Each structure stands twice: as C-alpha cells, then as structure tokens.
Amino acid sequence: MAAIVYFRKISETEGLVEYEFGDDPDDFERRLTVDKASRTSTVRDAQVDYAFLKASRKLNALHTERGVWPERGMSVS
C-alpha cells in the first residue's frame, strides 16, 4: 500500500514557513510550520504522526536540494 502526503505553502516570513498538508490535494486538513533557522517543524494540532513526519522530511529534503522552500509538492512511499 502506498502512502501519499501532499503539501502547499500558505505563508512565509523571514523566520518561518507554513504549509497545509494531508492526503487529499484538494482538501488539506492540517498545518505545519518550519523554523528556517533550526529547520525544525511543528504541527499545529500537536499530532506527531507518519503524515506529519513524511511531509516535514520531504520539505527539508527539497529545501536542501533546491535552496528554497517549495511552493507545493508531495511525498510518496
């Protein structure tokens, strides 16, 4: 069984970037915030689960690869 998590940037400031994420690209259910300095993520609903970890890791990987925080994307495993 494949696991897919989609994400979309909703805001970015000098220190933080915020994303919506979930399993439906047309109806995001959750939000996470990345601290740009430490590159740590916090989920708004405090539910640290597989979907949150998957989105967070993919965001950090894309930032490392591209040098910018992605506008949108997905992680599949």
PDB file of N, CA and C in Angstrom:
ATOM      1  N   MET A   1       0.832  -1.161   0.000  1.00  0.00           N
ATOM      2  CA  MET A   1       0.000   0.000   0.000  1.00  0.00           C
ATOM      3  C   MET A   1       0.893   1.246   0.000  1.00  0.00           C
ATOM      4  N   ALA A   2       0.585   2.193  -0.871  1.00  0.00           N
ATOM      5  CA  ALA A   2       1.358   3.429  -0.952  1.00  0.00           C
ATOM      6  C   ALA A   2       0.819   4.454   0.039  1.00  0.00           C
ATOM      7  N   ALA A   3       1.738   5.260   0.539  1.00  0.00           N
ATOM      8  CA  ALA A   3       1.356   6.372   1.415  1.00  0.00           C
ATOM      9  C   ALA A   3       1.732   7.657   0.692  1.00  0.00           C
ATOM     10  N   ILE A   4       0.769   8.555   0.546  1.00  0.00           N
ATOM     11  CA  ILE A   4       0.996   9.820  -0.144  1.00  0.00           C
ATOM     12  C   ILE A   4       0.607  10.961   0.782  1.00  0.00           C
ATOM     13  N   VAL A   5       1.483  11.954   0.860  1.00  0.00           N
ATOM     14  CA  VAL A   5       1.189  13.168   1.615  1.00  0.00           C
ATOM     15  C   VAL A   5       1.469  14.348   0.686  1.00  0.00           C
ATOM     16  N   TYR A   6       0.488  15.218   0.527  1.00  0.00           N
ATOM     17  CA  TYR A   6       0.614  16.423  -0.290  1.00  0.00           C
ATOM     18  C   TYR A   6       0.813  17.620   0.634  1.00  0.00           C
ATOM     19  N   PHE A   7       1.489  18.665   0.120  1.00  0.00           N
ATOM     20  CA  PHE A   7       1.657  19.878   0.909  1.00  0.00           C
ATOM     21  C   PHE A   7       1.671  21.098  -0.001  1.00  0.00           C
ATOM     22  N   ARG A   8       1.294  22.251   0.584  1.00  0.00           N
ATOM     23  CA  ARG A   8       1.252  23.516  -0.144  1.00  0.00           C
ATOM     24  C   ARG A   8       1.610  24.642   0.813  1.00  0.00           C
ATOM     25  N   LYS A   9       2.525  25.509   0.378  1.00  0.00           N
ATOM     26  CA  LYS A   9       2.932  26.651   1.202  1.00  0.00           C
ATOM     27  C   LYS A   9       1.789  27.652   1.277  1.00  0.00           C
ATOM     28  N   ILE A  10       1.529  28.145   2.491  1.00  0.00           N
ATOM     29  CA  ILE A  10       0.478  29.142   2.655  1.00  0.00           C
ATOM     30  C   ILE A  10       1.013  30.480   3.135  1.00  0.00           C
ATOM     31  N   SER A  11       2.208  30.478   3.755  1.00  0.00           N
ATOM     32  CA  SER A  11       2.818  31.753   4.145  1.00  0.00           C
ATOM     33  C   SER A  11       4.306  31.554   4.402  1.00  0.00           C
ATOM     34  N   GLU A  12       5.038  32.658   4.269  1.00  0.00           N
ATOM     35  CA  GLU A  12       6.472  32.625   4.545  1.00  0.00           C
ATOM     36  C   GLU A  12       6.905  33.989   5.052  1.00  0.00           C
ATOM     37  N   THR A  13       7.627  33.985   6.162  1.00  0.00           N
ATOM     38  CA  THR A  13       8.204  35.196   6.722  1.00  0.00           C
ATOM     39  C   THR A  13       9.720  35.008   6.752  1.00  0.00           C
ATOM     40  N   GLU A  14      10.407  35.954   7.313  1.00  0.00           N
ATOM     41  CA  GLU A  14      11.858  35.849   7.399  1.00  0.00           C
ATOM     42  C   GLU A  14      12.296  34.622   8.202  1.00  0.00           C
ATOM     43  N   GLY A  15      11.521  34.268   9.223  1.00  0.00           N
ATOM     44  CA  GLY A  15      11.937  33.180  10.095  1.00  0.00           C
ATOM     45  C   GLY A  15      11.153  31.891   9.992  1.00  0.00           C
ATOM     46  N   LEU A  16       9.941  31.947   9.419  1.00  0.00           N
ATOM     47  CA  LEU A  16       9.066  30.771   9.400  1.00  0.00           C
ATOM     48  C   LEU A  16       8.441  30.561   8.029  1.00  0.00           C
ATOM     49  N   VAL A  17       8.117  29.321   7.753  1.00  0.00           N
ATOM     50  CA  VAL A  17       7.321  28.991   6.570  1.00  0.00           C
ATOM     51  C   VAL A  17       6.227  28.022   7.018  1.00  0.00           C
ATOM     52  N   GLU A  18       5.006  28.289   6.561  1.00  0.00           N
ATOM     53  CA  GLU A  18       3.864  27.484   6.987  1.00  0.00           C
ATOM     54  C   GLU A  18       3.260  26.758   5.790  1.00  0.00           C
ATOM     55  N   TYR A  19       2.891  25.507   6.024  1.00  0.00           N
ATOM     56  CA  TYR A  19       2.315  24.654   4.989  1.00  0.00           C
ATOM     57  C   TYR A  19       1.019  24.022   5.461  1.00  0.00           C
ATOM     58  N   GLU A  20       0.132  23.782   4.493  1.00  0.00           N
ATOM     59  CA  GLU A  20      -1.009  22.905   4.684  1.00  0.00           C
ATOM     60  C   GLU A  20      -0.559  21.539   4.181  1.00  0.00           C
ATOM     61  N   PHE A  21      -1.071  20.466   4.776  1.00  0.00           N
ATOM     62  CA  PHE A  21      -0.726  19.139   4.277  1.00  0.00           C
ATOM     63  C   PHE A  21      -1.831  18.147   4.575  1.00  0.00           C
ATOM     64  N   GLY A  22      -1.810  17.044   3.835  1.00  0.00           N
ATOM     65  CA  GLY A  22      -2.785  15.983   4.041  1.00  0.00           C
ATOM     66  C   GLY A  22      -2.761  14.991   2.903  1.00  0.00           C
ATOM     67  N   ASP A  23      -3.698  14.057   2.928  1.00  0.00           N
ATOM     68  CA  ASP A  23      -3.721  13.019   1.906  1.00  0.00           C
ATOM     69  C   ASP A  23      -4.590  13.359   0.704  1.00  0.00           C
ATOM     70  N   ASP A  24      -5.254  14.504   0.728  1.00  0.00           N
ATOM     71  CA  ASP A  24      -6.091  14.949  -0.393  1.00  0.00           C
ATOM     72  C   ASP A  24      -5.609  16.324  -0.847  1.00  0.00           C
ATOM     73  N   PRO A  25      -5.067  16.449  -2.060  1.00  0.00           N
ATOM     74  CA  PRO A  25      -4.517  17.732  -2.511  1.00  0.00           C
ATOM     75  C   PRO A  25      -5.565  18.826  -2.705  1.00  0.00           C
ATOM     76  N   ASP A  26      -6.832  18.458  -2.696  1.00  0.00           N
ATOM     77  CA  ASP A  26      -7.904  19.442  -2.848  1.00  0.00           C
ATOM     78  C   ASP A  26      -8.555  19.821  -1.518  1.00  0.00           C
ATOM     79  N   ASP A  27      -8.159  19.158  -0.443  1.00  0.00           N
ATOM     80  CA  ASP A  27      -8.770  19.411   0.858  1.00  0.00           C
ATOM     81  C   ASP A  27      -7.754  19.140   1.963  1.00  0.00           C
ATOM     82  N   PHE A  28      -6.830  20.078   2.157  1.00  0.00           N
ATOM     83  CA  PHE A  28      -5.810  19.905   3.194  1.00  0.00           C
ATOM     84  C   PHE A  28      -6.456  20.046   4.568  1.00  0.00           C
ATOM     85  N   GLU A  29      -6.098  19.131   5.457  1.00  0.00           N
ATOM     86  CA  GLU A  29      -6.718  19.071   6.767  1.00  0.00           C
ATOM     87  C   GLU A  29      -5.859  19.652   7.877  1.00  0.00           C
ATOM     88  N   ARG A  30      -4.537  19.736   7.646  1.00  0.00           N
ATOM     89  CA  ARG A  30      -3.625  20.066   8.741  1.00  0.00           C
ATOM     90  C   ARG A  30      -2.612  21.121   8.302  1.00  0.00           C
ATOM     91  N   ARG A  31      -1.902  21.679   9.302  1.00  0.00           N
ATOM     92  CA  ARG A  31      -0.860  22.676   9.034  1.00  0.00           C
ATOM     93  C   ARG A  31       0.392  22.371   9.832  1.00  0.00           C
ATOM     94  N   LEU A  32       1.526  22.721   9.223  1.00  0.00           N
ATOM     95  CA  LEU A  32       2.794  22.634   9.926  1.00  0.00           C
ATOM     96  C   LEU A  32       3.602  23.888   9.656  1.00  0.00           C
ATOM     97  N   THR A  33       4.465  24.221  10.597  1.00  0.00           N
ATOM     98  CA  THR A  33       5.334  25.380  10.493  1.00  0.00           C
ATOM     99  C   THR A  33       6.778  24.920  10.604  1.00  0.00           C
ATOM    100  N   VAL A  34       7.633  25.468   9.727  1.00  0.00           N
ATOM    101  CA  VAL A  34       9.064  25.152   9.757  1.00  0.00           C
ATOM    102  C   VAL A  34       9.816  26.389  10.222  1.00  0.00           C
ATOM    103  N   ASP A  35      10.648  26.232  11.235  1.00  0.00           N
ATOM    104  CA  ASP A  35      11.550  27.294  11.681  1.00  0.00           C
ATOM    105  C   ASP A  35      12.753  27.259  10.742  1.00  0.00           C
ATOM    106  N   LYS A  36      12.957  28.333   9.992  1.00  0.00           N
ATOM    107  CA  LYS A  36      14.016  28.339   8.979  1.00  0.00           C
ATOM    108  C   LYS A  36      15.414  28.226   9.578  1.00  0.00           C
ATOM    109  N   ALA A  37      15.644  28.810  10.722  1.00  0.00           N
ATOM    110  CA  ALA A  37      16.977  28.782  11.332  1.00  0.00           C
ATOM    111  C   ALA A  37      17.358  27.376  11.790  1.00  0.00           C
ATOM    112  N   SER A  38      16.452  26.706  12.471  1.00  0.00           N
ATOM    113  CA  SER A  38      16.758  25.372  13.001  1.00  0.00           C
ATOM    114  C   SER A  38      16.293  24.255  12.075  1.00  0.00           C
ATOM    115  N   ARG A  39      15.406  24.607  11.129  1.00  0.00           N
ATOM    116  CA  ARG A  39      14.795  23.659  10.192  1.00  0.00           C
ATOM    117  C   ARG A  39      14.004  22.575  10.914  1.00  0.00           C
ATOM    118  N   THR A  40      13.438  22.948  12.053  1.00  0.00           N
ATOM    119  CA  THR A  40      12.558  22.040  12.780  1.00  0.00           C
ATOM    120  C   THR A  40      11.105  22.369  12.455  1.00  0.00           C
ATOM    121  N   SER A  41      10.274  21.358  12.451  1.00  0.00           N
ATOM    122  CA  SER A  41       8.860  21.516  12.121  1.00  0.00           C
ATOM    123  C   SER A  41       7.994  21.302  13.345  1.00  0.00           C
ATOM    124  N   THR A  42       6.895  22.030  13.374  1.00  0.00           N
ATOM    125  CA  THR A  42       5.895  21.896  14.427  1.00  0.00           C
ATOM    126  C   THR A  42       4.542  21.743  13.756  1.00  0.00           C
ATOM    127  N   VAL A  43       3.769  20.787  14.206  1.00  0.00           N
ATOM    128  CA  VAL A  43       2.443  20.577  13.645  1.00  0.00           C
ATOM    129  C   VAL A  43       1.426  21.303  14.527  1.00  0.00           C
ATOM    130  N   ARG A  44       0.494  21.989  13.910  1.00  0.00           N
ATOM    131  CA  ARG A  44      -0.468  22.815  14.645  1.00  0.00           C
ATOM    132  C   ARG A  44      -1.344  22.012  15.593  1.00  0.00           C
ATOM    133  N   ASP A  45      -1.769  20.821  15.180  1.00  0.00           N
ATOM    134  CA  ASP A  45      -2.683  20.034  16.017  1.00  0.00           C
ATOM    135  C   ASP A  45      -1.962  19.146  17.037  1.00  0.00           C
ATOM    136  N   ALA A  46      -0.642  19.261  17.123  1.00  0.00           N
ATOM    137  CA  ALA A  46       0.194  18.513  18.075  1.00  0.00           C
ATOM    138  C   ALA A  46       0.170  17.003  17.856  1.00  0.00           C
ATOM    139  N   GLN A  47      -0.321  16.563  16.710  1.00  0.00           N
ATOM    140  CA  GLN A  47      -0.381  15.140  16.389  1.00  0.00           C
ATOM    141  C   GLN A  47       0.841  14.771  15.538  1.00  0.00           C
ATOM    142  N   VAL A  48       1.894  14.315  16.200  1.00  0.00           N
ATOM    143  CA  VAL A  48       3.122  13.926  15.509  1.00  0.00           C
ATOM    144  C   VAL A  48       2.941  12.488  15.027  1.00  0.00           C
ATOM    145  N   ASP A  49       2.568  12.353  13.757  1.00  0.00           N
ATOM    146  CA  ASP A  49       2.293  11.046  13.184  1.00  0.00           C
ATOM    147  C   ASP A  49       3.068  10.866  11.882  1.00  0.00           C
ATOM    148  N   TYR A  50       2.800   9.775  11.202  1.00  0.00           N
ATOM    149  CA  TYR A  50       3.523   9.441   9.971  1.00  0.00           C
ATOM    150  C   TYR A  50       3.352  10.527   8.906  1.00  0.00           C
ATOM    151  N   ALA A  51       2.144  11.046   8.712  1.00  0.00           N
ATOM    152  CA  ALA A  51       1.897  12.065   7.691  1.00  0.00           C
ATOM    153  C   ALA A  51       2.707  13.329   7.980  1.00  0.00           C
ATOM    154  N   PHE A  52       2.723  13.760   9.221  1.00  0.00           N
ATOM    155  CA  PHE A  52       3.500  14.948   9.598  1.00  0.00           C
ATOM    156  C   PHE A  52       4.987  14.717   9.358  1.00  0.00           C
ATOM    157  N   LEU A  53       5.510  13.595   9.818  1.00  0.00           N
ATOM    158  CA  LEU A  53       6.933  13.308   9.647  1.00  0.00           C
ATOM    159  C   LEU A  53       7.309  13.207   8.174  1.00  0.00           C
ATOM    160  N   LYS A  54       6.456  12.597   7.383  1.00  0.00           N
ATOM    161  CA  LYS A  54       6.695  12.441   5.952  1.00  0.00           C
ATOM    162  C   LYS A  54       6.733  13.802   5.262  1.00  0.00           C
ATOM    163  N   ALA A  55       5.772  14.664   5.546  1.00  0.00           N
ATOM    164  CA  ALA A  55       5.743  16.000   4.948  1.00  0.00           C
ATOM    165  C   ALA A  55       6.952  16.816   5.393  1.00  0.00           C
ATOM    166  N   SER A  56       7.251  16.787   6.667  1.00  0.00           N
ATOM    167  CA  SER A  56       8.370  17.555   7.212  1.00  0.00           C
ATOM    168  C   SER A  56       9.702  17.144   6.594  1.00  0.00           C
ATOM    169  N   ARG A  57       9.926  15.851   6.501  1.00  0.00           N
ATOM    170  CA  ARG A  57      11.184  15.349   5.931  1.00  0.00           C
ATOM    171  C   ARG A  57      11.302  15.708   4.455  1.00  0.00           C
ATOM    172  N   LYS A  58      10.208  15.606   3.718  1.00  0.00           N
ATOM    173  CA  LYS A  58      10.240  15.938   2.286  1.00  0.00           C
ATOM    174  C   LYS A  58      10.504  17.430   2.088  1.00  0.00           C
ATOM    175  N   LEU A  59       9.881  18.264   2.896  1.00  0.00           N
ATOM    176  CA  LEU A  59      10.118  19.709   2.802  1.00  0.00           C
ATOM    177  C   LEU A  59      11.588  20.040   3.038  1.00  0.00           C
ATOM    178  N   ASN A  60      12.174  19.455   4.060  1.00  0.00           N
ATOM    179  CA  ASN A  60      13.588  19.701   4.341  1.00  0.00           C
ATOM    180  C   ASN A  60      14.483  19.171   3.227  1.00  0.00           C
ATOM    181  N   ALA A  61      14.162  18.016   2.678  1.00  0.00           N
ATOM    182  CA  ALA A  61      14.951  17.451   1.581  1.00  0.00           C
ATOM    183  C   ALA A  61      14.887  18.343   0.346  1.00  0.00           C
ATOM    184  N   LEU A  62      13.691  18.834   0.016  1.00  0.00           N
ATOM    185  CA  LEU A  62      13.554  19.715  -1.146  1.00  0.00           C
ATOM    186  C   LEU A  62      14.286  21.036  -0.931  1.00  0.00           C
ATOM    187  N   HIS A  63      14.228  21.559   0.292  1.00  0.00           N
ATOM    188  CA  HIS A  63      14.950  22.801   0.581  1.00  0.00           C
ATOM    189  C   HIS A  63      16.454  22.594   0.430  1.00  0.00           C
ATOM    190  N   THR A  64      16.956  21.483   0.916  1.00  0.00           N
ATOM    191  CA  THR A  64      18.381  21.178   0.786  1.00  0.00           C
ATOM    192  C   THR A  64      18.774  21.059  -0.685  1.00  0.00           C
ATOM    193  N   GLU A  65      17.937  20.411  -1.460  1.00  0.00           N
ATOM    194  CA  GLU A  65      18.210  20.180  -2.879  1.00  0.00           C
ATOM    195  C   GLU A  65      18.133  21.459  -3.710  1.00  0.00           C
ATOM    196  N   ARG A  66      17.138  22.299  -3.447  1.00  0.00           N
ATOM    197  CA  ARG A  66      16.854  23.461  -4.297  1.00  0.00           C
ATOM    198  C   ARG A  66      17.293  24.801  -3.728  1.00  0.00           C
ATOM    199  N   GLY A  67      17.489  24.856  -2.419  1.00  0.00           N
ATOM    200  CA  GLY A  67      17.890  26.111  -1.792  1.00  0.00           C
ATOM    201  C   GLY A  67      16.753  27.078  -1.511  1.00  0.00           C
ATOM    202  N   VAL A  68      15.526  26.657  -1.772  1.00  0.00           N
ATOM    203  CA  VAL A  68      14.334  27.462  -1.482  1.00  0.00           C
ATOM    204  C   VAL A  68      13.259  26.534  -0.909  1.00  0.00           C
ATOM    205  N   TRP A  69      12.331  27.119  -0.162  1.00  0.00           N
ATOM    206  CA  TRP A  69      11.216  26.334   0.351  1.00  0.00           C
ATOM    207  C   TRP A  69      10.206  26.141  -0.773  1.00  0.00           C
ATOM    208  N   PRO A  70       9.816  24.904  -1.043  1.00  0.00           N
ATOM    209  CA  PRO A  70       8.921  24.630  -2.181  1.00  0.00           C
ATOM    210  C   PRO A  70       7.539  25.235  -1.992  1.00  0.00           C
ATOM    211  N   GLU A  71       6.920  25.574  -3.099  1.00  0.00           N
ATOM    212  CA  GLU A  71       5.550  26.101  -3.081  1.00  0.00           C
ATOM    213  C   GLU A  71       4.547  24.991  -2.804  1.00  0.00           C
ATOM    214  N   ARG A  72       4.812  23.815  -3.350  1.00  0.00           N
ATOM    215  CA  ARG A  72       3.938  22.665  -3.179  1.00  0.00           C
ATOM    216  C   ARG A  72       4.688  21.409  -3.526  1.00  0.00           C
ATOM    217  N   GLY A  73       4.114  20.281  -3.184  1.00  0.00           N
ATOM    218  CA  GLY A  73       4.759  19.020  -3.518  1.00  0.00           C
ATOM    219  C   GLY A  73       4.052  17.861  -2.862  1.00  0.00           C
ATOM    220  N   MET A  74       4.709  16.713  -2.938  1.00  0.00           N
ATOM    221  CA  MET A  74       4.146  15.508  -2.353  1.00  0.00           C
ATOM    222  C   MET A  74       5.271  14.550  -2.021  1.00  0.00           C
ATOM    223  N   SER A  75       4.973  13.623  -1.140  1.00  0.00           N
ATOM    224  CA  SER A  75       5.899  12.572  -0.784  1.00  0.00           C
ATOM    225  C   SER A  75       5.161  11.250  -0.908  1.00  0.00           C
ATOM    226  N   VAL A  76       5.776  10.316  -1.604  1.00  0.00           N
ATOM    227  CA  VAL A  76       5.162   9.013  -1.845  1.00  0.00           C
ATOM    228  C   VAL A  76       6.104   7.930  -1.359  1.00  0.00           C
ATOM    229  N   SER A  77       5.565   6.942  -0.682  1.00  0.00           N
ATOM    230  CA  SER A  77       6.383   5.789  -0.293  1.00  0.00           C
ATOM    231  C   SER A  77       5.555   4.530  -0.365  1.00  0.00           C
TER     232      SER A  77
END
